[in-house]
N, C-alpha and C. Protein backbone atom coordinates (compact mmCIF):
# COMPACT_ATOMS: atom_id res chain seq x y z
N UNK A 1 36.58 -54.26 40.46
CA UNK A 1 35.18 -54.02 40.15
C UNK A 1 34.31 -54.26 41.38
N UNK A 2 33.06 -54.58 41.12
CA UNK A 2 32.05 -54.72 42.16
C UNK A 2 32.37 -55.83 43.15
N UNK A 3 32.84 -56.95 42.67
CA UNK A 3 33.06 -58.11 43.53
C UNK A 3 34.38 -58.07 44.29
N UNK A 4 35.20 -57.08 44.06
CA UNK A 4 36.49 -57.00 44.72
C UNK A 4 36.46 -56.09 45.95
N UNK A 5 35.32 -55.53 46.29
CA UNK A 5 35.23 -54.65 47.45
C UNK A 5 35.35 -55.43 48.74
N UNK A 6 35.90 -54.78 49.74
CA UNK A 6 36.02 -55.39 51.06
C UNK A 6 34.63 -55.51 51.68
N UNK A 7 34.36 -56.61 52.33
CA UNK A 7 33.07 -56.83 52.98
C UNK A 7 32.88 -55.83 54.11
N UNK A 8 31.65 -55.40 54.31
CA UNK A 8 31.32 -54.50 55.40
C UNK A 8 31.41 -55.25 56.72
N UNK A 9 32.02 -54.62 57.71
CA UNK A 9 32.15 -55.22 59.03
C UNK A 9 31.61 -54.28 60.09
N UNK A 10 31.05 -54.84 61.15
CA UNK A 10 30.58 -54.05 62.27
C UNK A 10 31.78 -53.46 62.99
N UNK A 11 31.80 -52.13 63.25
CA UNK A 11 32.94 -51.54 63.95
C UNK A 11 33.00 -52.01 65.40
N UNK A 12 34.20 -52.07 65.93
CA UNK A 12 34.39 -52.39 67.34
C UNK A 12 34.00 -51.16 68.16
N UNK A 13 33.76 -51.34 69.45
CA UNK A 13 33.34 -50.24 70.32
C UNK A 13 34.36 -49.10 70.32
N UNK A 14 35.64 -49.41 70.26
CA UNK A 14 36.67 -48.37 70.28
C UNK A 14 36.71 -47.58 68.98
N UNK A 15 36.15 -48.13 67.89
CA UNK A 15 36.13 -47.45 66.59
C UNK A 15 34.87 -46.60 66.40
N UNK A 16 33.84 -46.87 67.18
CA UNK A 16 32.56 -46.19 67.00
C UNK A 16 32.60 -44.77 67.55
N UNK A 17 31.76 -43.92 66.99
CA UNK A 17 31.65 -42.55 67.48
C UNK A 17 30.96 -42.55 68.84
N UNK A 18 31.32 -41.61 69.70
CA UNK A 18 30.68 -41.55 71.01
C UNK A 18 29.22 -41.11 70.88
N UNK A 19 28.43 -41.47 71.86
CA UNK A 19 27.02 -41.05 71.87
C UNK A 19 26.89 -39.58 72.23
N UNK A 20 25.68 -39.08 72.15
CA UNK A 20 25.41 -37.68 72.47
C UNK A 20 25.24 -37.51 73.98
N UNK A 21 25.65 -36.35 74.48
CA UNK A 21 25.43 -36.02 75.88
C UNK A 21 23.96 -35.66 76.11
N UNK A 22 23.37 -34.98 75.14
CA UNK A 22 21.97 -34.55 75.23
C UNK A 22 21.19 -35.21 74.09
N UNK A 23 19.94 -35.60 74.33
CA UNK A 23 19.15 -36.19 73.24
C UNK A 23 18.84 -35.15 72.15
N UNK A 24 18.58 -35.63 70.94
CA UNK A 24 18.20 -34.75 69.84
C UNK A 24 16.84 -34.15 70.15
N UNK A 25 16.71 -32.85 69.95
CA UNK A 25 15.42 -32.19 70.18
C UNK A 25 14.43 -32.60 69.11
N UNK A 26 13.23 -32.94 69.53
CA UNK A 26 12.18 -33.31 68.58
C UNK A 26 10.83 -33.02 69.20
N UNK A 27 9.82 -33.08 68.36
CA UNK A 27 8.46 -32.82 68.83
C UNK A 27 8.06 -33.88 69.86
N UNK A 28 7.20 -33.52 70.77
CA UNK A 28 6.74 -34.46 71.78
C UNK A 28 5.70 -35.43 71.25
N UNK A 29 5.01 -35.05 70.17
CA UNK A 29 3.98 -35.92 69.62
C UNK A 29 4.04 -35.94 68.09
N UNK A 30 3.51 -37.00 67.51
CA UNK A 30 3.48 -37.17 66.06
C UNK A 30 2.54 -36.13 65.46
N UNK A 31 2.93 -35.55 64.32
CA UNK A 31 2.15 -34.48 63.71
C UNK A 31 0.74 -34.92 63.32
N UNK A 32 0.62 -36.14 62.78
CA UNK A 32 -0.69 -36.58 62.29
C UNK A 32 -1.55 -37.27 63.34
N UNK A 33 -0.97 -38.23 64.06
CA UNK A 33 -1.82 -38.99 64.99
C UNK A 33 -1.71 -38.53 66.43
N UNK A 34 -0.87 -37.55 66.70
CA UNK A 34 -0.71 -36.93 68.02
C UNK A 34 -0.25 -37.88 69.11
N UNK A 35 0.26 -39.06 68.74
CA UNK A 35 0.79 -39.98 69.75
C UNK A 35 2.18 -39.54 70.17
N UNK A 36 2.55 -39.89 71.38
CA UNK A 36 3.84 -39.49 71.93
C UNK A 36 4.99 -40.12 71.14
N UNK A 37 6.02 -39.32 70.86
CA UNK A 37 7.22 -39.82 70.19
C UNK A 37 8.28 -40.21 71.21
N UNK A 38 8.05 -39.88 72.45
CA UNK A 38 9.00 -40.15 73.52
C UNK A 38 8.36 -41.14 74.49
N UNK A 39 9.11 -42.19 74.86
CA UNK A 39 8.58 -43.21 75.76
C UNK A 39 8.29 -42.68 77.15
N UNK A 40 7.70 -43.48 77.98
CA UNK A 40 7.40 -44.90 77.79
C UNK A 40 6.23 -45.09 76.82
N UNK A 41 6.27 -46.20 76.11
CA UNK A 41 5.27 -46.50 75.10
C UNK A 41 4.25 -47.49 75.64
N UNK A 42 3.06 -47.54 75.05
CA UNK A 42 2.04 -48.48 75.52
C UNK A 42 2.50 -49.94 75.45
N UNK A 43 1.97 -50.74 76.33
CA UNK A 43 2.27 -52.17 76.38
C UNK A 43 2.00 -52.82 75.03
N UNK A 44 2.89 -53.70 74.60
CA UNK A 44 2.70 -54.44 73.36
C UNK A 44 3.36 -53.82 72.14
N UNK A 45 3.83 -52.58 72.24
CA UNK A 45 4.52 -51.96 71.11
C UNK A 45 5.98 -52.36 71.11
N UNK A 46 6.59 -52.37 69.93
CA UNK A 46 8.00 -52.68 69.80
C UNK A 46 8.72 -51.51 69.15
N UNK A 47 10.04 -51.49 69.24
CA UNK A 47 10.85 -50.43 68.66
C UNK A 47 11.56 -50.94 67.42
N UNK A 48 11.55 -50.15 66.36
CA UNK A 48 12.30 -50.45 65.14
C UNK A 48 13.31 -49.33 64.92
N UNK A 49 14.55 -49.67 64.65
CA UNK A 49 15.60 -48.68 64.40
C UNK A 49 16.05 -48.82 62.96
N UNK A 50 16.01 -47.72 62.20
CA UNK A 50 16.40 -47.73 60.80
C UNK A 50 17.62 -46.85 60.61
N UNK A 51 18.57 -47.32 59.82
CA UNK A 51 19.76 -46.54 59.49
C UNK A 51 19.74 -46.20 58.02
N UNK A 52 20.17 -45.00 57.68
CA UNK A 52 20.16 -44.57 56.29
C UNK A 52 21.47 -44.81 55.57
N UNK A 53 22.49 -45.21 56.28
CA UNK A 53 23.77 -45.44 55.63
C UNK A 53 24.52 -44.15 55.38
N UNK A 54 25.47 -44.20 54.50
CA UNK A 54 26.33 -43.06 54.23
C UNK A 54 25.66 -42.09 53.26
N UNK A 55 25.70 -40.84 53.60
CA UNK A 55 25.12 -39.80 52.75
C UNK A 55 26.06 -39.50 51.60
N UNK A 56 25.57 -39.50 50.38
CA UNK A 56 26.34 -39.26 49.16
C UNK A 56 27.44 -40.29 48.95
N UNK A 57 27.36 -41.44 49.59
CA UNK A 57 28.34 -42.49 49.37
C UNK A 57 29.70 -42.19 49.96
N UNK A 58 29.76 -41.31 50.96
CA UNK A 58 31.03 -40.90 51.55
C UNK A 58 31.77 -42.09 52.15
N UNK A 59 31.05 -43.05 52.70
CA UNK A 59 31.69 -44.18 53.36
C UNK A 59 32.18 -45.26 52.41
N UNK A 60 31.89 -45.12 51.13
CA UNK A 60 32.31 -46.13 50.15
C UNK A 60 33.77 -45.90 49.79
N UNK A 61 34.56 -46.92 49.96
CA UNK A 61 35.98 -46.81 49.63
C UNK A 61 36.28 -47.71 48.44
N UNK A 62 37.01 -47.19 47.51
CA UNK A 62 37.34 -47.96 46.30
C UNK A 62 38.51 -48.88 46.56
């Protein structure tokens, strides 16, 4: 059941997917506030990275 699942672990570097050779194409500025989406960013701002997890639960193993 629910409590018998293996705990999630951070993958080792050799298990991780390689990075991209080219950055993902995106707009240069935000649609609403027109601020730059690409750095360098103004002094005092911080970066937050959000992950969405597995799409459709593909990564869930029974």
